[in-house]
Structure formats: structure tokens, C-alpha cells
Protein backbone atom coordinates (compact mmCIF):
# COMPACT_ATOMS: atom_id res chain seq x y z
CA LEU A 1 34.27 98.76 129.24
CA VAL A 2 37.38 100.92 128.87
CA LYS A 3 40.54 98.89 128.48
CA GLY A 4 42.83 99.06 131.51
CA ASN A 5 40.06 100.38 133.77
CA LYS A 6 37.92 97.36 134.59
CA THR A 7 36.43 96.01 137.79
CA ASN A 8 38.44 93.54 139.89
CA LEU A 9 36.60 90.57 138.38
CA GLU A 10 37.17 91.72 134.80
CA ARG A 11 40.63 93.21 134.95
CA GLU A 12 43.08 92.14 132.28
CA LYS A 13 46.34 90.51 133.24
CA ILE A 14 49.78 91.98 132.60
CA ILE A 15 53.27 90.78 133.50
CA PHE A 16 55.67 93.07 135.33
CA LEU A 17 59.21 92.11 134.35
CA SER A 18 62.13 93.39 136.43
CA ALA A 19 65.61 92.14 137.29
CA LYS A 20 65.44 93.96 140.63
CA ASN A 21 62.61 93.74 143.13
CA PRO A 22 60.15 96.55 142.24
CA LEU A 23 58.60 96.39 145.72
CA ASN A 24 61.83 97.69 147.25
CA LYS A 25 61.73 101.50 147.19
CA SER A 26 65.52 101.64 147.26
CA ASN A 27 65.71 100.39 143.67
CA TRP A 28 65.99 103.21 141.12
CA SER A 29 64.70 105.86 143.58
CA GLY A 30 61.48 103.87 144.07
CA ILE A 31 60.28 104.46 140.50
CA PRO A 32 59.53 100.75 139.72
CA PHE A 33 57.62 100.52 143.02
CA PHE A 34 55.26 103.35 142.07
CA MET A 35 54.92 102.06 138.51
CA TYR A 36 53.93 98.68 139.91
CA GLN A 37 51.42 100.20 142.34
CA SER A 38 49.92 102.49 139.68
CA LEU A 39 49.47 99.70 137.15
CA HIS A 40 48.04 97.41 139.84
CA GLU A 41 45.15 99.86 140.21
CA HIS A 42 44.10 98.97 136.65
CA PHE A 43 45.37 95.47 135.92
CA GLU A 44 45.94 92.11 137.53
CA ILE A 45 49.74 91.87 137.76
CA GLU A 46 52.02 88.87 137.74
CA LEU A 47 55.54 89.77 138.81
CA ILE A 48 58.42 87.95 137.15
CA GLN A 49 61.60 88.99 138.87
CA GLY A 50 64.72 88.26 136.90
CA LEU A 51 68.14 87.22 138.12
CA GLU A 52 70.89 89.70 138.94
CA PHE A 53 73.70 87.33 137.81
CA LYS A 54 75.92 88.56 140.62
CA PHE A 55 78.72 86.04 140.02
CA ILE A 56 78.87 86.74 136.29
CA ARG A 57 78.73 90.49 136.92
CA ARG A 58 81.65 90.08 139.32
CA LEU A 59 83.64 88.34 136.59
CA GLY A 60 82.61 91.15 134.25
CA TYR A 61 83.87 93.70 136.77
CA TYR A 62 87.34 92.13 136.74
CA ALA A 63 87.25 91.78 132.95
CA SER A 64 86.44 95.48 132.69
CA LYS A 65 89.39 96.27 134.98
CA LEU A 66 91.64 94.23 132.69
CA PHE A 67 90.38 96.12 129.62
CA LEU A 68 91.16 99.39 131.36
CA ILE A 69 94.72 98.27 132.13
CA VAL A 70 95.41 96.85 128.67
CA PHE A 71 93.53 99.30 126.42
CA ARG A 72 93.20 102.27 128.84
CA LYS A 73 89.50 102.25 127.96
CA LYS A 74 86.42 101.01 129.81
CA TYR A 75 84.38 98.00 128.76
CA VAL A 76 80.80 98.42 130.05
CA PHE A 77 79.93 94.83 130.88
CA ASP A 78 76.54 95.51 132.53
CA TYR A 79 74.95 96.72 129.28
CA GLY A 80 76.66 94.28 126.95
CA ILE A 81 75.58 91.28 124.91
CA LEU A 82 76.32 88.53 127.47
CA ILE A 83 74.19 90.01 130.28
CA SER A 84 71.44 90.79 127.77
CA LEU A 85 71.52 87.23 126.41
CA LEU A 86 71.30 85.72 129.91
CA HIS A 87 68.28 87.91 130.72
CA GLY A 88 66.67 86.88 127.44
CA ILE A 89 67.10 83.15 128.06
CA TYR A 90 65.78 83.34 131.61
CA TYR A 91 62.74 85.48 130.77
CA SER A 92 61.88 83.50 127.63
CA LEU A 93 61.72 80.28 129.64
CA LYS A 94 59.53 81.95 132.25
CA LEU A 95 57.14 83.24 129.57
CA ILE A 96 56.64 80.03 127.59
CA ALA A 97 53.48 78.94 129.42
CA LYS A 98 51.96 82.40 129.84
CA HIS A 99 48.62 82.97 128.14
CA ARG A 100 45.91 85.61 128.05
CA VAL A 101 48.31 88.38 129.00
CA ARG A 102 47.55 91.86 127.66
CA PHE A 103 51.17 93.03 127.68
CA ILE A 104 54.53 92.78 129.43
CA PHE A 105 55.73 95.88 131.27
CA CYS A 106 59.44 96.35 131.95
CA PRO A 107 60.94 99.42 133.70
CA ALA A 108 64.38 100.58 132.51
CA GLY A 109 64.86 97.26 130.78
CA LEU A 110 66.33 97.71 127.30
CA THR A 111 69.30 95.46 128.14
CA GLU A 112 66.93 92.86 129.59
CA LEU A 113 64.69 92.75 126.52
CA ALA A 114 67.01 92.43 123.52
CA PHE A 115 67.01 88.59 123.40
CA ILE A 116 63.57 87.88 124.84
CA GLN A 117 61.41 85.45 122.84
CA THR A 118 57.67 85.93 123.31
CA LYS A 119 54.56 86.80 121.34
CA ILE A 120 53.21 88.93 124.18
CA PRO A 121 53.45 92.67 123.39
CA ILE A 122 56.11 94.51 125.40
CA VAL A 123 55.97 98.01 126.91
CA SER A 124 59.09 99.52 128.43
CA ALA A 125 59.55 102.69 130.48
CA GLY A 126 62.71 104.58 131.35
CA ASP A 127 64.46 107.92 131.56
CA CYS A 128 67.07 107.49 128.81
CA SER A 129 68.89 105.28 126.37
CA THR A 130 72.20 104.10 127.86
CA LEU A 131 73.83 105.08 124.60
CA GLN A 132 73.12 108.76 125.16
CA LEU A 133 74.95 108.62 128.50
CA ILE A 134 78.25 107.76 126.80
CA ASP A 135 80.67 110.65 127.47
CA TYR A 136 77.91 112.38 129.45
CA TYR A 137 77.92 110.48 132.76
CA PRO A 138 81.38 110.25 134.40
CA SER A 139 80.97 106.47 134.80
CA LEU A 140 80.47 106.14 131.04
CA THR A 141 83.36 108.24 129.78
CA ASN A 142 86.44 106.85 128.04
CA VAL A 143 84.49 103.78 126.87
CA LEU A 144 86.01 101.32 124.39
CA SER A 145 84.50 101.79 120.92
CA LEU A 146 83.67 98.07 120.78
CA SER A 147 81.66 98.44 123.99
CA VAL A 148 79.79 101.46 122.62
CA LYS A 149 78.87 99.50 119.49
CA GLU A 150 77.72 96.59 121.65
CA ILE A 151 75.45 98.85 123.74
CA ALA A 152 74.00 100.38 120.58
CA TRP A 153 73.37 96.94 119.05
CA VAL A 154 71.65 95.63 122.21
CA GLU A 155 69.40 98.68 122.51
CA LYS A 156 68.48 98.65 118.83
CA LYS A 157 67.55 94.96 119.07
CA ALA A 158 65.46 95.63 122.20
CA LEU A 159 63.64 98.61 120.71
CA ALA A 160 62.74 96.52 117.66
CA LYS A 161 60.92 94.08 119.95
CA ILE A 162 59.10 96.68 122.03
CA LYS A 163 55.63 97.79 121.01
CA LEU A 164 55.87 101.01 123.01
CA GLN A 165 58.70 102.81 124.80
CA LEU A 166 57.72 105.37 127.45
CA PHE A 167 60.31 108.01 128.32
CA SER A 168 60.16 110.66 131.02
CA SER A 169 61.64 113.52 128.98
CA LEU A 170 61.81 115.00 125.51
CA TRP A 171 65.60 114.73 125.74
CA ALA A 172 65.40 110.93 125.94
CA SER A 173 62.55 110.41 123.48
CA ASP A 174 64.08 112.71 120.82
CA PHE A 175 67.46 110.98 121.04
CA THR A 176 65.92 107.52 120.71
CA ARG A 177 63.70 108.50 117.77
CA LYS A 178 66.56 110.10 115.85
CA HIS A 179 69.37 107.67 116.65
CA PHE A 180 67.42 104.42 116.25
CA SER A 181 64.93 105.71 113.63
CA ILE A 182 61.85 104.50 115.50
CA ASN A 183 58.49 106.13 116.18
CA ASN A 184 57.02 103.95 118.95
CA VAL A 185 58.25 106.37 121.65
CA VAL A 186 56.05 108.51 123.90
CA GLU A 187 57.05 111.11 126.47
CA ILE A 188 55.22 110.70 129.80
CA PRO A 189 56.62 112.38 132.96
CA PHE A 190 57.19 110.39 136.13
CA GLY A 191 55.31 111.15 139.33
CA ALA A 192 56.54 112.02 142.82
CA ASN A 193 57.43 109.24 145.23
CA LEU A 194 56.32 111.21 148.28
CA VAL A 195 53.02 112.63 149.52
CA ALA A 196 53.04 115.55 151.95
CA SER A 197 51.70 114.85 155.43
CA ARG A 198 49.86 118.19 155.51
CA PRO A 199 47.95 120.34 152.97
CA VAL A 200 50.76 121.91 150.94
CA GLU A 201 48.97 125.14 150.04
CA SER A 202 48.54 125.99 153.72
CA ILE A 203 52.21 125.12 154.34
CA ILE A 204 53.24 127.62 151.66
CA HIS A 205 51.15 130.43 153.12
CA GLN A 206 52.42 129.78 156.66
CA LYS A 207 56.14 129.61 155.85
CA LYS A 208 58.40 132.21 157.42
CA THR A 209 61.18 133.59 155.26
CA ALA A 210 63.84 133.52 157.97
CA PRO A 211 65.74 131.34 157.88
CA PHE A 212 65.36 130.80 154.15
CA ASN A 213 65.74 127.04 153.87
CA LEU A 214 67.44 125.41 150.90
CA VAL A 215 67.57 121.64 150.33
CA PHE A 216 69.94 119.53 148.22
CA ILE A 217 69.17 115.80 147.81
CA SER A 218 71.66 113.45 146.16
CA VAL A 219 73.81 110.38 146.71
CA ASP A 220 76.35 111.48 144.07
CA TRP A 221 78.23 114.49 145.43
CA HIS A 222 80.29 115.49 142.38
CA ARG A 223 77.95 114.72 139.47
CA LYS A 224 75.01 116.42 141.17
CA GLY A 225 77.04 119.56 141.89
CA GLY A 226 77.51 119.34 145.65
CA ASP A 227 80.58 121.58 145.45
CA ILE A 228 78.51 124.27 143.73
CA VAL A 229 75.87 124.00 146.47
CA LEU A 230 78.53 124.75 149.09
CA GLU A 231 79.72 127.75 147.06
CA ILE A 232 76.12 129.01 146.97
CA LEU A 233 75.77 128.64 150.73
CA HIS A 234 79.11 130.35 151.43
CA SER A 235 78.20 133.33 149.20
CA LEU A 236 74.76 133.78 150.78
CA VAL A 237 76.21 133.63 154.28
CA ASN A 238 78.74 136.31 153.32
CA GLN A 239 75.86 138.51 152.14
CA SER A 240 74.20 138.11 155.56
CA ILE A 241 71.15 136.36 154.08
CA PRO A 242 69.48 134.35 156.89
CA ILE A 243 70.02 131.07 155.08
CA HIS A 244 70.05 127.39 156.04
CA LEU A 245 70.98 124.44 153.83
CA THR A 246 70.00 120.82 154.39
CA ILE A 247 72.01 118.21 152.50
CA VAL A 248 70.37 114.79 152.20
CA GLY A 249 71.98 111.60 150.94
CA CYS A 250 75.67 112.47 150.96
CA LYS A 251 78.41 114.14 152.98
CA PRO A 252 80.48 117.17 151.91
CA PRO A 253 84.20 116.40 151.60
CA ARG A 254 85.10 119.51 153.61
CA HIS A 255 83.76 121.17 156.75
CA MET A 256 81.25 124.03 156.66
CA ASP A 257 79.82 126.27 159.40
CA SER A 258 77.30 123.98 161.12
CA GLY A 259 75.18 126.98 162.07
CA HIS A 260 73.97 127.23 158.47
CA LEU A 261 74.14 123.57 157.48
CA THR A 262 72.42 120.30 158.37
CA ILE A 263 73.67 117.02 156.91
CA VAL A 264 71.50 113.90 156.75
CA GLU A 265 73.73 111.32 155.11
CA HIS A 266 71.09 108.63 154.59
CA ILE A 267 67.31 108.31 154.68
CA ASP A 268 65.59 104.95 154.26
CA LYS A 269 62.45 105.60 152.20
CA ASN A 270 61.24 102.07 152.99
CA SER A 271 60.86 102.97 156.68
CA GLU A 272 58.17 105.13 158.26
CA ASN A 273 60.79 107.08 160.21
CA GLY A 274 62.67 107.78 156.99
CA LYS A 275 59.55 109.01 155.21
CA LEU A 276 58.62 111.24 158.15
CA LEU A 277 62.12 112.71 158.32
CA LEU A 278 62.17 113.56 154.60
CA ASP A 279 58.60 114.89 154.80
CA GLY A 280 59.64 117.25 157.59
CA ILE A 281 62.65 118.51 155.64
CA LEU A 282 60.63 119.23 152.51
CA CYS A 283 57.73 120.81 154.42
CA ASN A 284 60.16 123.28 155.99
CA SER A 285 62.21 124.07 152.88
CA HIS A 286 61.72 127.02 150.53
CA LEU A 287 63.79 126.04 147.47
CA MET A 288 65.50 122.95 146.08
CA LEU A 289 68.97 123.28 144.55
CA LEU A 290 70.06 120.97 141.72
CA PRO A 291 73.25 122.22 140.03
CA THR A 292 73.76 118.79 138.48
CA ARG A 293 76.43 118.33 135.83
CA ALA A 294 74.66 115.40 134.16
CA ASP A 295 71.18 113.96 134.69
CA CYS A 296 68.22 112.29 133.02
CA THR A 297 65.08 113.29 134.92
CA ARG A 298 65.40 113.62 138.69
CA ILE A 299 62.53 112.19 140.71
CA VAL A 300 63.43 114.66 143.47
CA ILE A 301 62.22 117.48 141.20
CA ALA A 302 58.76 115.91 141.07
CA GLU A 303 58.93 115.47 144.85
CA ALA A 304 59.89 119.14 145.26
CA PHE A 305 56.87 120.21 143.20
CA ALA A 306 54.62 117.97 145.33
CA TYR A 307 55.71 120.05 148.34
CA GLY A 308 55.40 123.38 146.53
CA LEU A 309 59.17 123.87 146.25
CA PRO A 310 60.50 125.72 143.20
CA VAL A 311 63.71 124.17 141.84
CA LEU A 312 66.86 125.96 140.69
CA ALA A 313 68.80 123.68 138.33
CA ASN A 314 71.37 123.41 135.59
CA LYS A 315 69.95 123.26 132.06
CA THR A 316 71.14 119.78 131.14
CA GLY A 317 69.83 116.35 130.12
CA GLY A 318 66.13 115.75 130.70
CA ILE A 319 65.73 118.44 133.36
CA PRO A 320 64.40 121.14 130.96
CA SER A 321 61.35 118.92 130.38
CA MET A 322 60.44 119.41 134.04
CA ILE A 323 61.35 123.01 134.91
CA THR A 324 59.91 126.13 133.28
CA ASP A 325 61.50 129.48 134.12
CA ASN A 326 59.39 131.72 136.33
CA VAL A 327 56.76 128.97 136.72
CA ASN A 328 58.18 126.18 138.90
CA GLY A 329 61.80 127.25 139.14
CA TYR A 330 64.70 128.43 137.02
CA LEU A 331 67.23 126.83 134.68
CA PHE A 332 70.75 128.19 134.26
CA GLU A 333 72.76 128.01 131.04
CA LYS A 334 75.98 128.40 133.05
CA ASN A 335 76.20 126.07 136.03
CA GLU A 336 77.99 128.51 138.30
CA ALA A 337 77.18 129.49 141.88
CA VAL A 338 76.83 133.22 141.18
CA TYR A 339 73.72 132.71 139.00
CA TYR A 340 72.01 130.62 141.68
CA VAL A 341 72.94 133.12 144.38
CA ASN A 342 71.55 136.10 142.46
CA LYS A 343 68.25 134.33 141.85
CA ILE A 344 67.94 133.13 145.47
CA VAL A 345 68.51 136.69 146.73
CA GLU A 346 65.88 137.98 144.30
CA ILE A 347 63.32 135.39 145.45
CA TYR A 348 64.17 135.93 149.12
CA ASN A 349 63.60 139.68 148.82
CA ASP A 350 60.23 139.29 147.10
CA SER A 351 57.73 137.29 149.17
CA LEU A 352 55.00 137.68 146.53
CA MET A 353 57.33 136.23 143.92
CA TYR A 354 58.15 133.29 146.19
CA ASN A 355 54.49 132.52 146.96
CA ARG A 356 53.61 132.65 143.27
CA LEU A 357 56.44 130.25 142.35
CA ALA A 358 55.59 127.89 145.21
CA LEU A 359 51.89 127.70 144.36
CA SER A 360 52.70 127.29 140.67
CA SER A 361 55.09 124.44 141.49
CA LEU A 362 52.33 122.71 143.43
CA LYS A 363 49.93 123.16 140.50
CA THR A 364 52.54 121.56 138.21
CA SER A 365 52.62 118.54 140.50
CA ILE A 366 48.84 118.23 140.62
CA ALA A 367 48.48 118.58 136.85
CA THR A 368 51.43 116.52 135.59
CA TYR A 369 54.03 115.15 137.99
CA ASN A 370 52.03 112.48 139.80
CA TRP A 371 51.63 108.76 139.24
CA ASN A 372 47.90 108.97 138.48
CA SER A 373 48.73 111.16 135.48
CA TRP A 374 51.55 108.83 134.48
CA VAL A 375 49.42 105.68 134.50
CA SER A 376 46.46 107.40 132.83
CA SER A 377 48.62 108.77 130.00
CA GLY A 378 50.47 105.46 129.74
CA ILE A 379 47.29 103.40 129.41
CA ASN A 380 45.94 105.79 126.77
CA ALA A 381 49.16 105.39 124.77
CA ILE A 382 49.12 101.62 125.18
CA ASN A 383 45.47 101.35 124.08
CA LYS A 384 46.34 103.10 120.80
CA ILE A 385 48.99 100.54 119.93
CA ILE A 386 48.12 97.24 121.66
């Protein structure tokens, strides 16, 4: 029998370790939920949910504020030694009596794993090392050097205990290999967290080009380039392109002509109504905009591909691992509205070009950016090592 693909009576047992509830789709864009579901198709899973240490994190929040006042630098408490140690103690106690477990799986859990004591092999999956976000993400700029060293120490200790680290992009896996001098890293793309309610290929062929519908999905207005999206819309409207933009997840800080703009501030992916609303938006969109200033790998890109939507994005972080020019979208070296506008006008004026890009985006989803591919590739990688 092939490992990781046994019948219900013969399936091996694994432990799914997570500080936050993986069955809640609101956690980390629903990625742990789909990892859990995908692995459950192949293994018997025992879930060990860790503690969030809310009181201690609150104390850490005030301590960080004090550091900022005194040293004018941030101390990143959430990824430091104390939180990591507390996770390690809690998990180690939970794992003492566990036997006949193939491996432990932990999503985005380097901080959680540094102090864990167990003989069970550990597999982790994520989209980056926290260390590579220093001075890249706005929330991790101006960090105290002591805090940076602490993060690096915790992650190095965790990676030394992990049998296999799965990353969603070359950007993340290359950084981790080079900085920590380890080889047990594999790049495996994440899947989409949505499934279209209708056959996507027929949707593509039936789409009308007027209005030409753009969609921007984010909860972080500035970092994800919301201001650039508004510049794009304003320029296209001035060129008399029949355009409509739907913004999902956040609210622009200034007013725009409502005739060309729809704002959906929040969608609950855990609810059926929320899923139907987002499904309708994506089914009726032509392109996704992502002029993000800093990102790892956006799950919304995989979701766009699942709906046959090409993506126009800034060439940064892990995004180049997902988007190939003239195949499933375009990447821009300069993250300025004019480059997006010129490409949108070109695509709008060439229906054959649009159909080709849309169908190619869908093929990318079917071939790579789905959770069946993720779990299949992951199990193959795990079988080679464990």
C-alpha cells in the first residue's frame, strides 16, 4: 500500500498542531482549514489546539509599547523566546503519551516548534520565515536588533527540529535555505480556498466586456496598494473605458464615483451567504488587481485562477512564483498605476487576448493551484524523508 493513501481502516495517524483553530476559515485566510481537510483525506488526524496566551500577549503588547517609547524601536513579542517557550512546554506535555503517530503537521508554526520535545517527526508548512519580513512588512520595520536576533534564534532552533519545511514560494524557500543553511525545504504552492458554483470555462466564454469588471480583495488598504487601485480606476474612467471596480475587505479612505465602484467591506467565508456573495463577484469579474507593496503568497491569486481571472500584480515577495507574464497575468517592476492602466486597456481592446489569458489562468489552477495538488506533492515529499 502507498503511504498516506490507505483505506479508512488502515490509514496512518498524524497530529495536526495549531495554536489557532484550523476549522475556522477566518484564521490565516482559511489556509489551515484546507490543509486539515486535505490531509484528512489521507490520514487519521488528531487535532491538538494550542493556547493563544492572550493575557501574556497583552502584557507583551504593553512591554513592546514601552520599548518603543524608551528605545524608539519595536520589540516583536509575538515571535520571541517567551511565547515560543510557552508553546513548547504546552505541546510537549500534550505529546508525552502519543504513540504510533506517523508525523506532526504544523501550519505556520516556527515560533510554536522551537522548544517542543518529542520523538515524533515534524512537518511544517508556511509562506515565509518571519525573519525575512523584517524591514519588508510595515509592522516589522524599525525593530530592535535584540528582537531581530531573538526571532532568528527561535526560527533556527525550530528548523533544526523539523524534518521537512514546506513553503509556498521560491522566495521563501530560497531565503530559508541560504540564511539558515538547511536543505530540508520544499516549495509546494497553496491551493484556492474557493470553488466556483458554475463551470468556469463556460463563464469565460459568456462574459461581456462592458462593463470591464476589476476586483481588488484585501483587508490591508495601504500595504496591498489600495491607493494605487483607486488611481487605476480614476485613469480608466477618464479614458472613457466602461470600467467597474469591486473592492472587497476594506474601505477606501476617500470618496469615489459610486457609478464605477462597489465596496463590500466584509465577507464572512464561514457563512454560506458570504461564500455565495464572493462567488458572484469573482464569476462576474474580468481581472484581479494586486498592486501590493509587500506580500508572501496571496491566496486570493489562487482563487482568481480558479475563476479564470488573470492577475495584474507588483513583482514583490513570493508573488512571482505564482504569476507568469502573458500566461496567467502580468507582473510590474514599477508599482505605479500607469503600467496597470496601459495593460488593462490593451487587454480590454483585445478580446482574443483576454480569453486566452483567462483560459490559461484556469489551466494554471487545475494543474497547480489546488489543494489536491498540494497534498499530493506534500505526501510525496514527506514519504522521501519520513
